[in-house]
C-alpha atoms as a PDB file:
ATOM      1  CA  UNK A   1      99.400  33.386 153.924  1.00  0.00           C
ATOM      2  CA  UNK A   2      98.187  35.079 157.061  1.00  0.00           C
ATOM      3  CA  UNK A   3      98.748  35.888 160.719  1.00  0.00           C
ATOM      4  CA  UNK A   4      97.099  33.275 162.917  1.00  0.00           C
ATOM      5  CA  UNK A   5      97.837  35.070 166.176  1.00  0.00           C
ATOM      6  CA  UNK A   6      99.450  38.238 167.534  1.00  0.00           C
ATOM      7  CA  UNK A   7     101.157  37.551 170.858  1.00  0.00           C
ATOM      8  CA  UNK A   8     102.344  39.922 173.583  1.00  0.00           C
ATOM      9  CA  UNK A   9     104.526  39.178 176.596  1.00  0.00           C
ATOM     10  CA  UNK A  10     103.163  38.475 180.017  1.00  0.00           C
ATOM     11  CA  UNK A  11     106.087  39.452 182.278  1.00  0.00           C
ATOM     12  CA  UNK A  12     107.338  36.797 184.664  1.00  0.00           C
ATOM     13  CA  UNK A  13     110.450  36.234 186.801  1.00  0.00           C
ATOM     14  CA  UNK A  14     113.412  34.755 184.944  1.00  0.00           C
ATOM     15  CA  UNK A  15     115.213  32.063 186.966  1.00  0.00           C
ATOM     16  CA  UNK A  16     117.297  30.998 183.963  1.00  0.00           C
ATOM     17  CA  UNK A  17     119.334  34.168 183.340  1.00  0.00           C
ATOM     18  CA  UNK A  18     120.794  37.204 185.046  1.00  0.00           C
ATOM     19  CA  UNK A  19     117.886  39.242 183.691  1.00  0.00           C
ATOM     20  CA  UNK A  20     115.289  39.383 186.451  1.00  0.00           C
ATOM     21  CA  UNK A  21     112.281  39.469 184.134  1.00  0.00           C
ATOM     22  CA  UNK A  22     111.518  37.668 180.891  1.00  0.00           C
ATOM     23  CA  UNK A  23     109.010  38.332 178.147  1.00  0.00           C
ATOM     24  CA  UNK A  24     109.186  34.846 176.643  1.00  0.00           C
ATOM     25  CA  UNK A  25     105.681  34.038 177.896  1.00  0.00           C
ATOM     26  CA  UNK A  26     103.741  35.415 174.933  1.00  0.00           C
ATOM     27  CA  UNK A  27      99.927  35.246 174.927  1.00  0.00           C
ATOM     28  CA  UNK A  28      97.482  35.889 172.060  1.00  0.00           C
ATOM     29  CA  UNK A  29      95.654  39.209 172.166  1.00  0.00           C
ATOM     30  CA  UNK A  30      92.357  40.275 170.640  1.00  0.00           C
ATOM     31  CA  UNK A  31      92.059  43.276 168.386  1.00  0.00           C
ATOM     32  CA  UNK A  32      94.720  45.382 166.691  1.00  0.00           C
ATOM     33  CA  UNK A  33      98.215  45.927 168.085  1.00  0.00           C
ATOM     34  CA  UNK A  34     100.358  48.914 167.142  1.00  0.00           C
ATOM     35  CA  UNK A  35     103.670  48.121 165.451  1.00  0.00           C
ATOM     36  CA  UNK A  36     106.495  50.634 165.146  1.00  0.00           C
ATOM     37  CA  UNK A  37     110.269  50.681 164.805  1.00  0.00           C
ATOM     38  CA  UNK A  38     111.913  50.617 168.259  1.00  0.00           C
ATOM     39  CA  UNK A  39     114.055  53.533 169.326  1.00  0.00           C
ATOM     40  CA  UNK A  40     117.650  52.446 168.541  1.00  0.00           C
ATOM     41  CA  UNK A  41     118.859  54.307 171.636  1.00  0.00           C
ATOM     42  CA  UNK A  42     116.549  52.353 173.944  1.00  0.00           C
ATOM     43  CA  UNK A  43     118.131  48.983 174.858  1.00  0.00           C
ATOM     44  CA  UNK A  44     115.759  46.070 174.441  1.00  0.00           C
ATOM     45  CA  UNK A  45     112.981  48.131 172.871  1.00  0.00           C
ATOM     46  CA  UNK A  46     110.209  46.058 171.255  1.00  0.00           C
ATOM     47  CA  UNK A  47     108.297  46.619 168.040  1.00  0.00           C
ATOM     48  CA  UNK A  48     104.830  45.704 169.308  1.00  0.00           C
ATOM     49  CA  UNK A  49     103.025  47.965 171.746  1.00  0.00           C
ATOM     50  CA  UNK A  50     102.766  46.335 175.164  1.00  0.00           C
ATOM     51  CA  UNK A  51     105.478  43.755 174.507  1.00  0.00           C
ATOM     52  CA  UNK A  52     108.415  43.245 176.881  1.00  0.00           C
ATOM     53  CA  UNK A  53     112.107  42.478 176.363  1.00  0.00           C
ATOM     54  CA  UNK A  54     113.604  41.249 179.633  1.00  0.00           C
ATOM     55  CA  UNK A  55     117.193  40.539 178.555  1.00  0.00           C
ATOM     56  CA  UNK A  56     117.974  43.919 177.031  1.00  0.00           C
ATOM     57  CA  UNK A  57     121.632  43.032 176.522  1.00  0.00           C
ATOM     58  CA  UNK A  58     120.914  40.266 174.027  1.00  0.00           C
ATOM     59  CA  UNK A  59     117.446  40.889 172.644  1.00  0.00           C
ATOM     60  CA  UNK A  60     115.302  43.641 171.182  1.00  0.00           C
ATOM     61  CA  UNK A  61     116.170  46.735 169.186  1.00  0.00           C
ATOM     62  CA  UNK A  62     115.503  47.564 165.525  1.00  0.00           C
ATOM     63  CA  UNK A  63     116.914  44.308 164.103  1.00  0.00           C
ATOM     64  CA  UNK A  64     114.821  42.204 166.501  1.00  0.00           C
ATOM     65  CA  UNK A  65     111.685  44.310 166.654  1.00  0.00           C
ATOM     66  CA  UNK A  66     109.266  41.479 165.859  1.00  0.00           C
ATOM     67  CA  UNK A  67     109.678  37.695 166.030  1.00  0.00           C
ATOM     68  CA  UNK A  68     107.710  35.400 163.705  1.00  0.00           C
ATOM     69  CA  UNK A  69     107.314  31.635 163.927  1.00  0.00           C
ATOM     70  CA  UNK A  70     105.312  29.325 161.689  1.00  0.00           C
ATOM     71  CA  UNK A  71     102.230  27.561 163.010  1.00  0.00           C
ATOM     72  CA  UNK A  72     103.273  24.597 160.878  1.00  0.00           C
ATOM     73  CA  UNK A  73     106.552  24.282 162.807  1.00  0.00           C
ATOM     74  CA  UNK A  74     104.725  24.527 166.122  1.00  0.00           C
ATOM     75  CA  UNK A  75     102.365  21.787 164.955  1.00  0.00           C
ATOM     76  CA  UNK A  76     105.269  19.560 163.910  1.00  0.00           C
ATOM     77  CA  UNK A  77     106.860  19.959 167.330  1.00  0.00           C
ATOM     78  CA  UNK A  78     103.535  19.331 169.044  1.00  0.00           C
ATOM     79  CA  UNK A  79     103.292  16.054 167.154  1.00  0.00           C
ATOM     80  CA  UNK A  80     106.761  15.037 168.270  1.00  0.00           C
ATOM     81  CA  UNK A  81     106.034  15.886 171.886  1.00  0.00           C
ATOM     82  CA  UNK A  82     102.516  14.488 171.932  1.00  0.00           C
ATOM     83  CA  UNK A  83     101.008  17.658 173.356  1.00  0.00           C
ATOM     84  CA  UNK A  84      99.297  20.796 172.008  1.00  0.00           C
ATOM     85  CA  UNK A  85     101.329  23.982 171.690  1.00  0.00           C
ATOM     86  CA  UNK A  86      99.457  27.271 171.906  1.00  0.00           C
ATOM     87  CA  UNK A  87     100.186  30.274 169.740  1.00  0.00           C
ATOM     88  CA  UNK A  88     103.112  32.152 171.273  1.00  0.00           C
ATOM     89  CA  UNK A  89     104.634  29.110 173.003  1.00  0.00           C
ATOM     90  CA  UNK A  90     108.015  29.700 171.370  1.00  0.00           C
ATOM     91  CA  UNK A  91     107.959  33.370 172.362  1.00  0.00           C
ATOM     92  CA  UNK A  92     106.876  34.572 168.943  1.00  0.00           C
ATOM     93  CA  UNK A  93     105.002  37.823 168.405  1.00  0.00           C
ATOM     94  CA  UNK A  94     103.464  36.649 165.148  1.00  0.00           C
ATOM     95  CA  UNK A  95     102.300  33.104 164.568  1.00  0.00           C
ATOM     96  CA  UNK A  96     102.084  32.713 160.792  1.00  0.00           C
ATOM     97  CA  UNK A  97     100.308  30.280 158.489  1.00  0.00           C
ATOM     98  CA  UNK A  98     101.248  29.350 154.934  1.00  0.00           C
ATOM     99  CA  UNK A  99     104.476  31.359 155.022  1.00  0.00           C
ATOM    100  CA  UNK A 100     107.947  29.805 154.663  1.00  0.00           C
ATOM    101  CA  UNK A 101     109.495  31.709 157.559  1.00  0.00           C
ATOM    102  CA  UNK A 102     112.775  29.789 157.653  1.00  0.00           C
ATOM    103  CA  UNK A 103     113.111  29.931 153.878  1.00  0.00           C
ATOM    104  CA  UNK A 104     112.597  33.693 153.831  1.00  0.00           C
ATOM    105  CA  UNK A 105     115.563  35.652 152.492  1.00  0.00           C
ATOM    106  CA  UNK A 106     117.370  38.287 154.498  1.00  0.00           C
ATOM    107  CA  UNK A 107     115.947  41.624 153.368  1.00  0.00           C
ATOM    108  CA  UNK A 108     112.666  40.070 152.226  1.00  0.00           C
ATOM    109  CA  UNK A 109     109.726  42.356 152.950  1.00  0.00           C
ATOM    110  CA  UNK A 110     106.282  41.300 154.097  1.00  0.00           C
ATOM    111  CA  UNK A 111     103.184  43.469 153.941  1.00  0.00           C
ATOM    112  CA  UNK A 112     100.823  42.544 156.750  1.00  0.00           C
ATOM    113  CA  UNK A 113      97.293  43.816 156.423  1.00  0.00           C
ATOM    114  CA  UNK A 114      96.913  47.192 154.775  1.00  0.00           C
ATOM    115  CA  UNK A 115      99.739  49.188 156.271  1.00  0.00           C
ATOM    116  CA  UNK A 116     102.510  47.321 158.090  1.00  0.00           C
ATOM    117  CA  UNK A 117     105.683  46.359 156.238  1.00  0.00           C
ATOM    118  CA  UNK A 118     108.306  44.212 157.980  1.00  0.00           C
ATOM    119  CA  UNK A 119     111.766  43.206 156.740  1.00  0.00           C
ATOM    120  CA  UNK A 120     113.422  39.881 157.522  1.00  0.00           C
ATOM    121  CA  UNK A 121     116.689  40.547 159.355  1.00  0.00           C
ATOM    122  CA  UNK A 122     118.037  37.392 161.041  1.00  0.00           C
ATOM    123  CA  UNK A 123     117.168  34.121 162.781  1.00  0.00           C
ATOM    124  CA  UNK A 124     116.402  33.644 166.448  1.00  0.00           C
ATOM    125  CA  UNK A 125     119.301  32.128 168.402  1.00  0.00           C
ATOM    126  CA  UNK A 126     118.170  29.894 171.300  1.00  0.00           C
ATOM    127  CA  UNK A 127     119.184  30.744 174.845  1.00  0.00           C
ATOM    128  CA  UNK A 128     118.913  29.372 178.366  1.00  0.00           C
ATOM    129  CA  UNK A 129     115.634  31.183 178.983  1.00  0.00           C
ATOM    130  CA  UNK A 130     114.072  29.440 175.969  1.00  0.00           C
ATOM    131  CA  UNK A 131     115.199  26.025 177.218  1.00  0.00           C
ATOM    132  CA  UNK A 132     114.104  26.717 180.773  1.00  0.00           C
ATOM    133  CA  UNK A 133     110.724  28.022 179.661  1.00  0.00           C
ATOM    134  CA  UNK A 134     109.965  24.845 177.726  1.00  0.00           C
ATOM    135  CA  UNK A 135     111.357  22.638 180.523  1.00  0.00           C
ATOM    136  CA  UNK A 136     113.201  20.389 178.084  1.00  0.00           C
ATOM    137  CA  UNK A 137     116.764  19.303 178.748  1.00  0.00           C
ATOM    138  CA  UNK A 138     118.975  19.526 175.702  1.00  0.00           C
ATOM    139  CA  UNK A 139     116.504  21.774 173.916  1.00  0.00           C
ATOM    140  CA  UNK A 140     119.117  24.289 172.724  1.00  0.00           C
ATOM    141  CA  UNK A 141     121.064  21.542 170.951  1.00  0.00           C
ATOM    142  CA  UNK A 142     117.908  20.042 169.445  1.00  0.00           C
ATOM    143  CA  UNK A 143     116.557  23.393 168.273  1.00  0.00           C
ATOM    144  CA  UNK A 144     119.931  24.246 166.749  1.00  0.00           C
ATOM    145  CA  UNK A 145     120.246  20.917 164.970  1.00  0.00           C
ATOM    146  CA  UNK A 146     116.771  21.204 163.439  1.00  0.00           C
ATOM    147  CA  UNK A 147     117.435  24.683 161.962  1.00  0.00           C
ATOM    148  CA  UNK A 148     113.846  25.922 162.191  1.00  0.00           C
ATOM    149  CA  UNK A 149     114.603  29.099 164.146  1.00  0.00           C
ATOM    150  CA  UNK A 150     111.910  31.502 163.007  1.00  0.00           C
ATOM    151  CA  UNK A 151     112.688  35.029 161.865  1.00  0.00           C
ATOM    152  CA  UNK A 152     113.323  38.378 163.477  1.00  0.00           C
ATOM    153  CA  UNK A 153     111.996  41.345 161.528  1.00  0.00           C
ATOM    154  CA  UNK A 154     112.575  45.083 161.309  1.00  0.00           C
ATOM    155  CA  UNK A 155     109.694  47.530 161.069  1.00  0.00           C
ATOM    156  CA  UNK A 156     109.810  49.381 157.750  1.00  0.00           C
ATOM    157  CA  UNK A 157     106.313  50.868 157.845  1.00  0.00           C
ATOM    158  CA  UNK A 158     104.414  51.260 161.100  1.00  0.00           C
ATOM    159  CA  UNK A 159     100.745  50.487 161.577  1.00  0.00           C
ATOM    160  CA  UNK A 160      98.570  47.900 163.247  1.00  0.00           C
ATOM    161  CA  UNK A 161      98.435  44.119 163.042  1.00  0.00           C
ATOM    162  CA  UNK A 162      95.792  41.688 164.169  1.00  0.00           C
ATOM    163  CA  UNK A 163      95.013  37.990 163.904  1.00  0.00           C
ATOM    164  CA  UNK A 164      93.627  37.164 160.468  1.00  0.00           C
ATOM    165  CA  UNK A 165      95.649  39.788 158.606  1.00  0.00           C
ATOM    166  CA  UNK A 166      96.875  38.538 155.226  1.00  0.00           C
ATOM    167  CA  UNK A 167     100.615  38.482 154.523  1.00  0.00           C
ATOM    168  CA  UNK A 168     102.001  39.347 151.110  1.00  0.00           C
ATOM    169  CA  UNK A 169     105.651  39.189 150.090  1.00  0.00           C
ATOM    170  CA  UNK A 170     106.342  42.609 148.607  1.00  0.00           C
ATOM    171  CA  UNK A 171     110.039  42.177 147.885  1.00  0.00           C
ATOM    172  CA  UNK A 172     112.335  39.172 147.676  1.00  0.00           C
ATOM    173  CA  UNK A 173     116.060  39.791 147.139  1.00  0.00           C
ATOM    174  CA  UNK A 174     117.886  37.975 144.351  1.00  0.00           C
ATOM    175  CA  UNK A 175     120.443  36.365 146.681  1.00  0.00           C
ATOM    176  CA  UNK A 176     119.934  32.950 148.306  1.00  0.00           C
ATOM    177  CA  UNK A 177     120.727  33.873 151.925  1.00  0.00           C
ATOM    178  CA  UNK A 178     117.792  32.543 153.912  1.00  0.00           C
ATOM    179  CA  UNK A 179     116.971  32.672 157.609  1.00  0.00           C
ATOM    180  CA  UNK A 180     117.870  28.978 157.900  1.00  0.00           C
ATOM    181  CA  UNK A 181     121.217  29.477 156.135  1.00  0.00           C
ATOM    182  CA  UNK A 182     122.191  32.341 158.452  1.00  0.00           C
ATOM    183  CA  UNK A 183     121.212  30.245 161.445  1.00  0.00           C
ATOM    184  CA  UNK A 184     123.405  27.345 160.330  1.00  0.00           C
ATOM    185  CA  UNK A 185     126.297  29.715 159.617  1.00  0.00           C
ATOM    186  CA  UNK A 186     126.274  31.377 163.033  1.00  0.00           C
ATOM    187  CA  UNK A 187     125.763  28.136 164.962  1.00  0.00           C
ATOM    188  CA  UNK A 188     127.066  24.804 163.654  1.00  0.00           C
ATOM    189  CA  UNK A 189     128.553  25.620 160.240  1.00  0.00           C
ATOM    190  CA  UNK A 190     130.757  28.753 160.453  1.00  0.00           C
ATOM    191  CA  UNK A 191     132.354  27.850 157.133  1.00  0.00           C
ATOM    192  CA  UNK A 192     129.137  29.184 155.577  1.00  0.00           C
ATOM    193  CA  UNK A 193     129.629  32.682 156.967  1.00  0.00           C
ATOM    194  CA  UNK A 194     131.301  34.206 153.879  1.00  0.00           C
ATOM    195  CA  UNK A 195     128.239  33.234 151.811  1.00  0.00           C
ATOM    196  CA  UNK A 196     126.162  35.644 153.852  1.00  0.00           C
ATOM    197  CA  UNK A 197     127.962  38.774 152.664  1.00  0.00           C
ATOM    198  CA  UNK A 198     125.807  39.101 149.539  1.00  0.00           C
ATOM    199  CA  UNK A 199     122.834  39.955 151.807  1.00  0.00           C
ATOM    200  CA  UNK A 200     122.948  43.716 152.340  1.00  0.00           C
ATOM    201  CA  UNK A 201     120.265  43.635 155.040  1.00  0.00           C
ATOM    202  CA  UNK A 202     122.260  41.502 157.491  1.00  0.00           C
ATOM    203  CA  UNK A 203     122.571  42.907 161.020  1.00  0.00           C
ATOM    204  CA  UNK A 204     125.975  44.462 161.572  1.00  0.00           C
ATOM    205  CA  UNK A 205     127.203  41.913 164.115  1.00  0.00           C
ATOM    206  CA  UNK A 206     126.569  39.005 161.741  1.00  0.00           C
ATOM    207  CA  UNK A 207     128.137  40.904 158.847  1.00  0.00           C
ATOM    208  CA  UNK A 208     131.266  41.524 160.925  1.00  0.00           C
ATOM    209  CA  UNK A 209     131.497  37.831 161.799  1.00  0.00           C
ATOM    210  CA  UNK A 210     131.157  36.947 158.119  1.00  0.00           C
ATOM    211  CA  UNK A 211     133.927  39.392 157.173  1.00  0.00           C
ATOM    212  CA  UNK A 212     136.238  37.959 159.833  1.00  0.00           C
ATOM    213  CA  UNK A 213     135.662  34.439 158.528  1.00  0.00           C
ATOM    214  CA  UNK A 214     136.196  35.534 154.930  1.00  0.00           C
ATOM    215  CA  UNK A 215     139.560  37.087 155.874  1.00  0.00           C
ATOM    216  CA  UNK A 216     140.711  34.063 157.868  1.00  0.00           C
END
């Protein structure tokens, strides 16, 4: 398991949302990139040095410090579309290889290279910017139906990451709440929400939604 590519935003205008700028255009970078926990008091703060969060109302912050997507899932989509997809095409900071990103459990911790430790927090939820960027009508519905969202991660231990760094799973919780399960629960299958409450590392907004459903 390793990091195929580390990708940083190239700012561009955002015609698909109220936010004037988007960081969805992620490009691979050479050499090490500093990773640190974003300041919780800074809206839209990113975990990778030089990265950009354009829509600070809905993205960024400690629970969405780093976004990982599997190279295998990019390759599967490239096969469906009949075109190559570069690292970073889905807006991911880390393009992984050999790692079950969608099957990762909430609270699972990954050691990347020698120093960095990241914790799986939640899935990526698709938005209008994502659909507009890929120029594919109906993409939000398709992405949601397929339930291969990729994972947002918190920064537990700061350091540097670079392409080629090995990934090791340092901790895997005993519960069965995976990234894919959370994604299904918050999108198409809200009846699953109460199942998420056994995952202590859930972001607070998802936990609140799960509590509301459990009380209903």
